[in-house]
Amino acid sequence: MARFLQRYLTLCCSNALDEADLKKARALVQSGHLDAAIDKDVALGQSRRVNQTPMVFVTHAGETTQLPPGGVTYSLMKQYFDYLLRP
């Protein structure tokens, strides 16, 4: 995992972070402090059978609902949230 994250930082973040912040990010990855959080996220994705991105789950009133795979439009998501949050 650390090798993947180091490569990700180099390819994706080197243009967004200055050298000092990139060095801090690399040190954080090397430290292993992120491993447990990543493992937890992976386990959650596996338990929900996530097999593509984007995949969105909405939890409301103790129920989790998967939105249609591949994403939804803003207007559809707004309608859904308005429905869930109605008085």
Foldseek 3Di string as FASTA:
>chain_A
DLVVVLVCCVPPVPVPDDPVVSVVSNVVSVVCPCVVVVVVVVVVCVVVVDDDPPWDWDAAPRDIDTDDPPDDDPVVVVVVVCVRPPD
